[in-house]
Amino acid sequence: MRNTLETLRNFKSERYLTTTLYLSLTPEDRAARPPKYRIRLKTLINQLSHWLDDHAIAAEVRGSVREDFRKLEDFVEEPSNLVGENSLPVRGLAAFACSGEGMFQTVLLPYVERNTLVVDQTPYVRRLFAVEADFGVNLVVVFDHRDAYFYQVDIHGIQSLDAFSFIKDREVLPPGVHGVRTPSGLTAQHGMGERNVQMLKHHEQHQHLRKIAETIRELRRSHPFDRLMIAAPDELASAFPGYLHDYVRRTYAGRIQAHDKMPVNQIYERVLDRLQELDREQEMQLLQELYATPPTMKAMGLPAVLRALEWGNVRTLLYDSEFTQPGVVFYPSGLVGLTPDDAPDGTVSIWRMPDIVDTVLERALEQGAQAETVHGDARESIQGVSALLRYPM
């Protein structure tokens, strides 16, 4: 993926247009017959084809774009193209095409928030970088009362860190305590007493959790990660955060439901589900911040956001994934407007677009802004697109 990102970042055709596709491939989309994502792509292509027919575009440029559309449909029609390596779950697709230049690149993604089909002078790659950054590097620890297994999960897949995993093969007991291990668990020797058994179990749990925490601290130095997730029985999971070092505890992102016999592709999917939960929590926090922020430090609605983008003043972009708005892009500045009358000084050409929300998203990410999708009833409150600003306007 890294090589693909670098190729796309530097790609620009002086003669042809480039087509960018982001397509959601959720399990629900795949379960329908025919799959919903195929119908969605056909709809996007039909809409954009009608729009292209209304614009004066050179025949060779138009032919290149139509060939892009054909290649995209052919790629999505083949189910094997949408299967992750080692059966890892795939919930999104990014594809970039410029047939006139012989360019066609695809990237399978863990998710896509907004379905997009756009034709412009350059590929819209910033969302790829944003997905990679948002997904981050996650350390997953799956453990029970005896064993612990460690996995590194990022956008490229899941890797078992076998060198750090361990299986307890002996007990170190506190002085004066004696017990035996049976297939059904730890039991007291004759006359040992229930109190000593409980003390022994508590000691074992303490030693086990401390060793896991120490291993995580070592991993933090040798294999840096952004988040820590665990899968463990309730008793261990509730006690475990107290064993973490302070600078590791800040990365703790909660639990997933998994066990050591679960295939790694299923563990990866549980991580995706947990990341989605965390994303919803962050969405609510940002919405609360937006509501509490004074008017001079936020932009409500698309016109206000466009003004903020012009000044590079968008810190966080909040957008409704279903909101669309026609508009224009001005070149060579790349600025976005609602009508040709918004053209800044020095504009050489104006590119009309059936939907500029994806372009707004791309420009915000180019400026280093955070982008967050808003779901449910809260979508009305952001008027399609809103933003938290870097400085007052």
Foldseek 3Di string as FASTA:
>chain_A
DVVVLVVQVPDFDPQAKKKKWKFFADPCQVPDVVRVRLVVLVVQVVVVLVVVVVDDDDPVRNVQVVVVSVVVNVLVVDVVSQAAPVRADFGMKIWMGGVVVPDIDIDTWNGDDFTDIDIGRGYLCLVVVQRQVLQWWEWEWEDELFWIWIWIQGGNGIDTPVVLTDGHDDDDFDPPADWDADPVGIDHDVPRDPVSSVVRSVVSLVVVLLSVQVSVVVCCVVPNTQAYEYAYPPVSQVPNLVNHDPVRSVRYQYYFHDHPVDDRSVVNVSSSVSSVVVLVVVLVVVLVVVVPDDPQFKAAADVSLLVCLVVLWFAEKEFASPDFAKWKAFPPVRRTGRYPVVDDPPTDDIGTDRGCPSSSVSSNSVSVHHYGYDDDPCNVVRHGMMGGTPGTD
